[in-house]
Amino acid sequence: EPDVYSLSLKELSREAAFDLLREEAGRTGFAALATAPDEELQKIYDVVGGHPLALKLVVGQLRFRSLPRVLGRYEKGGTPKQDELFDYIYQEIWDTLDDDSKMTLLALAQASETGFTFEHIVSISGLPEYSVDRCLEDLILLSLVDLGGNLYERRYRLHRLTEVFLLTIFDSS
């Protein structure tokens, strides 16, 4: 593609990471994290560093677990190396998903970069609409699924690293 190019980003600075954590928390309606003092956000930064996607994934985990519990899971198994961080975070999230959410992710693994409509996901997954609707909300909040499209047609697709993680799971099975 002539207008597409790769841009490598370095880790965010401490201040930028804090801004991202607060922005993501505000976007998902997680007021406790959005208004958390810098000392609490520093604990996250000490473990995750300034990796934007890792920060977003941790925000997703914090919606369902306490800060000490999320950070304790990292410390319990030892802090993973930088190149293992995403796999580690994704595995933690995968282990907490219910079967319908996993089925929704697997249905989305078949989508192209343009994603699938809600109706297509229902058709592929074989799940009832109410279940797919709930799963998509949860998966978007966990930063596993990206939402696109327009006002009249919403489209859902996996984040690239979510797709890579799913391939890793099934290659090792």
Protein backbone atom coordinates (compact mmCIF):
# COMPACT_ATOMS: atom_id res chain seq x y z
CA GLU A 1 0.00 0.00 0.00
CA PRO A 2 1.55 3.32 -1.00
CA ASP A 3 0.07 5.35 1.88
CA VAL A 4 0.79 2.80 4.61
CA TYR A 5 4.01 2.74 6.56
CA SER A 6 5.31 1.30 9.79
CA LEU A 7 5.94 3.55 12.76
CA SER A 8 7.77 2.15 15.76
CA LEU A 9 6.90 3.82 19.02
CA LYS A 10 9.08 3.87 22.07
CA GLU A 11 7.63 3.38 25.50
CA LEU A 12 5.55 6.23 26.81
CA SER A 13 7.04 8.49 29.43
CA ARG A 14 5.71 8.17 32.97
CA GLU A 15 3.46 11.22 32.52
CA ALA A 16 2.14 10.05 29.15
CA ALA A 17 1.48 6.58 30.58
CA PHE A 18 -0.49 8.11 33.45
CA ASP A 19 -2.47 10.18 30.94
CA LEU A 20 -3.23 7.06 28.90
CA LEU A 21 -4.31 5.11 31.99
CA ARG A 22 -6.65 7.92 33.04
CA GLU A 23 -7.98 8.42 29.51
CA GLU A 24 -8.67 4.70 29.03
CA ALA A 25 -10.29 4.48 32.46
CA GLY A 26 -12.47 7.49 31.68
CA ARG A 27 -13.41 6.07 28.27
CA THR A 28 -14.63 2.86 29.87
CA GLY A 29 -16.39 4.59 32.77
CA PHE A 30 -13.95 3.39 35.41
CA ALA A 31 -13.96 6.49 37.65
CA ALA A 32 -11.88 4.97 40.48
CA LEU A 33 -8.90 4.54 38.18
CA ALA A 34 -9.50 7.74 36.22
CA THR A 35 -9.16 9.75 39.43
CA ALA A 36 -6.49 7.61 41.11
CA PRO A 37 -3.50 9.48 42.54
CA ASP A 38 -0.12 9.27 40.81
CA GLU A 39 1.20 6.97 43.56
CA GLU A 40 -1.30 4.27 42.55
CA LEU A 41 -0.60 4.66 38.84
CA GLN A 42 3.13 4.45 39.57
CA LYS A 43 2.58 0.90 40.84
CA ILE A 44 1.15 -0.05 37.44
CA TYR A 45 3.93 1.75 35.58
CA ASP A 46 6.58 -0.05 37.65
CA VAL A 47 5.26 -3.40 36.41
CA VAL A 48 4.11 -2.63 32.85
CA GLY A 49 6.31 0.28 31.90
CA GLY A 50 5.15 2.59 29.13
CA HIS A 51 3.80 0.03 26.65
CA PRO A 52 0.49 1.56 25.48
CA LEU A 53 -1.32 -1.68 24.70
CA ALA A 54 -0.10 -3.33 27.89
CA LEU A 55 -1.39 -0.34 29.85
CA LYS A 56 -4.78 -0.66 28.14
CA LEU A 57 -4.90 -4.39 28.87
CA VAL A 58 -4.14 -3.79 32.54
CA VAL A 59 -6.98 -1.25 32.70
CA GLY A 60 -9.23 -4.00 31.34
CA GLN A 61 -8.07 -6.38 34.08
CA LEU A 62 -8.59 -3.74 36.76
CA ARG A 63 -12.25 -3.48 35.85
CA PHE A 64 -12.70 -6.97 37.31
CA ARG A 65 -9.91 -7.30 39.87
CA SER A 66 -8.35 -5.10 42.52
CA LEU A 67 -5.02 -3.37 41.91
CA PRO A 68 -3.18 -5.52 44.50
CA ARG A 69 -4.62 -8.68 42.94
CA VAL A 70 -3.65 -7.72 39.37
CA LEU A 71 -0.15 -6.63 40.36
CA GLY A 72 0.20 -9.60 42.72
CA ARG A 73 -0.37 -11.98 39.83
CA TYR A 74 2.60 -10.47 38.06
CA GLU A 75 4.79 -10.63 41.15
CA LYS A 76 3.66 -14.16 42.03
CA GLY A 77 4.96 -15.60 38.77
CA GLY A 78 7.81 -13.16 38.58
CA THR A 79 7.71 -10.16 36.33
CA PRO A 80 7.83 -11.45 32.76
CA LYS A 81 10.50 -10.31 30.34
CA GLN A 82 9.49 -7.50 28.02
CA ASP A 83 8.95 -9.83 25.06
CA GLU A 84 6.76 -12.12 27.20
CA LEU A 85 4.70 -9.34 28.76
CA PHE A 86 1.87 -9.37 26.22
CA ASP A 87 1.53 -13.17 26.25
CA TYR A 88 1.48 -13.07 30.03
CA ILE A 89 -1.22 -10.40 30.17
CA TYR A 90 -3.30 -12.07 27.46
CA GLN A 91 -3.10 -15.45 29.23
CA GLU A 92 -4.29 -13.83 32.46
CA ILE A 93 -7.27 -12.33 30.65
CA TRP A 94 -8.02 -15.52 28.67
CA ASP A 95 -8.17 -17.52 31.89
CA THR A 96 -10.93 -15.25 33.23
CA LEU A 97 -13.17 -15.35 30.12
CA ASP A 98 -16.33 -17.43 30.08
CA ASP A 99 -17.01 -19.89 27.26
CA ASP A 100 -19.28 -17.50 25.33
CA SER A 101 -16.61 -14.78 25.34
CA LYS A 102 -14.02 -17.26 24.11
CA MET A 103 -16.41 -18.41 21.37
CA THR A 104 -16.99 -14.78 20.34
CA LEU A 105 -13.23 -14.21 20.10
CA LEU A 106 -12.83 -17.36 18.02
CA ALA A 107 -15.59 -16.22 15.68
CA LEU A 108 -13.82 -12.87 15.28
CA ALA A 109 -10.54 -14.65 14.51
CA GLN A 110 -12.08 -15.39 11.10
CA ALA A 111 -12.71 -11.70 10.35
CA SER A 112 -10.61 -9.70 7.96
CA GLU A 113 -9.22 -6.29 8.82
CA THR A 114 -12.63 -4.76 8.11
CA GLY A 115 -14.17 -6.90 10.85
CA PHE A 116 -17.60 -8.47 11.15
CA THR A 117 -21.03 -7.00 11.75
CA PHE A 118 -22.93 -8.00 14.88
CA GLU A 119 -25.25 -10.20 12.85
CA HIS A 120 -22.34 -12.01 11.24
CA ILE A 121 -20.78 -12.74 14.64
CA VAL A 122 -24.09 -14.15 15.88
CA SER A 123 -24.33 -16.33 12.79
CA ILE A 124 -20.76 -17.67 13.02
CA SER A 125 -20.65 -18.16 16.78
CA GLY A 126 -24.03 -19.86 17.08
CA LEU A 127 -24.62 -17.88 20.27
CA PRO A 128 -27.81 -15.99 21.06
CA GLU A 129 -27.82 -12.25 20.30
CA TYR A 130 -28.02 -11.24 23.98
CA SER A 131 -24.91 -13.31 24.74
CA VAL A 132 -22.88 -11.92 21.83
CA ASP A 133 -23.94 -8.41 22.82
CA ARG A 134 -22.72 -8.92 26.41
CA CYS A 135 -19.52 -10.61 25.26
CA LEU A 136 -18.65 -7.83 22.82
CA GLU A 137 -19.13 -5.19 25.50
CA ASP A 138 -16.84 -7.09 27.86
CA LEU A 139 -14.22 -7.81 25.18
CA ILE A 140 -14.14 -4.17 24.10
CA LEU A 141 -13.69 -3.06 27.71
CA LEU A 142 -10.84 -5.56 28.05
CA SER A 143 -9.20 -4.05 24.92
CA LEU A 144 -9.29 -7.40 23.11
CA VAL A 145 -11.73 -6.28 20.42
CA ASP A 146 -11.74 -3.08 18.42
CA LEU A 147 -14.95 -1.33 17.41
CA GLY A 148 -15.25 0.44 14.06
CA GLY A 149 -17.73 1.20 11.34
CA ASN A 150 -20.23 4.04 11.41
CA LEU A 151 -23.48 5.05 13.03
CA TYR A 152 -25.50 2.62 10.91
CA GLU A 153 -23.15 -0.35 10.77
CA ARG A 154 -20.77 -1.21 13.59
CA ARG A 155 -17.94 -3.61 12.83
CA TYR A 156 -15.91 -5.64 15.29
CA ARG A 157 -12.44 -7.06 14.87
CA LEU A 158 -9.65 -8.44 16.99
CA HIS A 159 -6.71 -6.28 17.93
CA ARG A 160 -3.68 -7.67 16.09
CA LEU A 161 -1.96 -8.88 19.28
CA THR A 162 -5.18 -10.61 20.37
CA GLU A 163 -5.15 -12.48 17.07
CA VAL A 164 -1.48 -13.42 17.51
CA PHE A 165 -2.20 -14.65 21.03
CA LEU A 166 -5.11 -16.82 19.86
CA LEU A 167 -2.92 -18.36 17.17
CA THR A 168 -0.29 -19.10 19.82
CA ILE A 169 -2.85 -20.84 22.04
CA PHE A 170 -4.09 -23.10 19.27
CA ASP A 171 -0.68 -23.83 17.80
CA SER A 172 0.45 -25.16 21.17
CA SER A 173 -2.71 -27.29 21.65
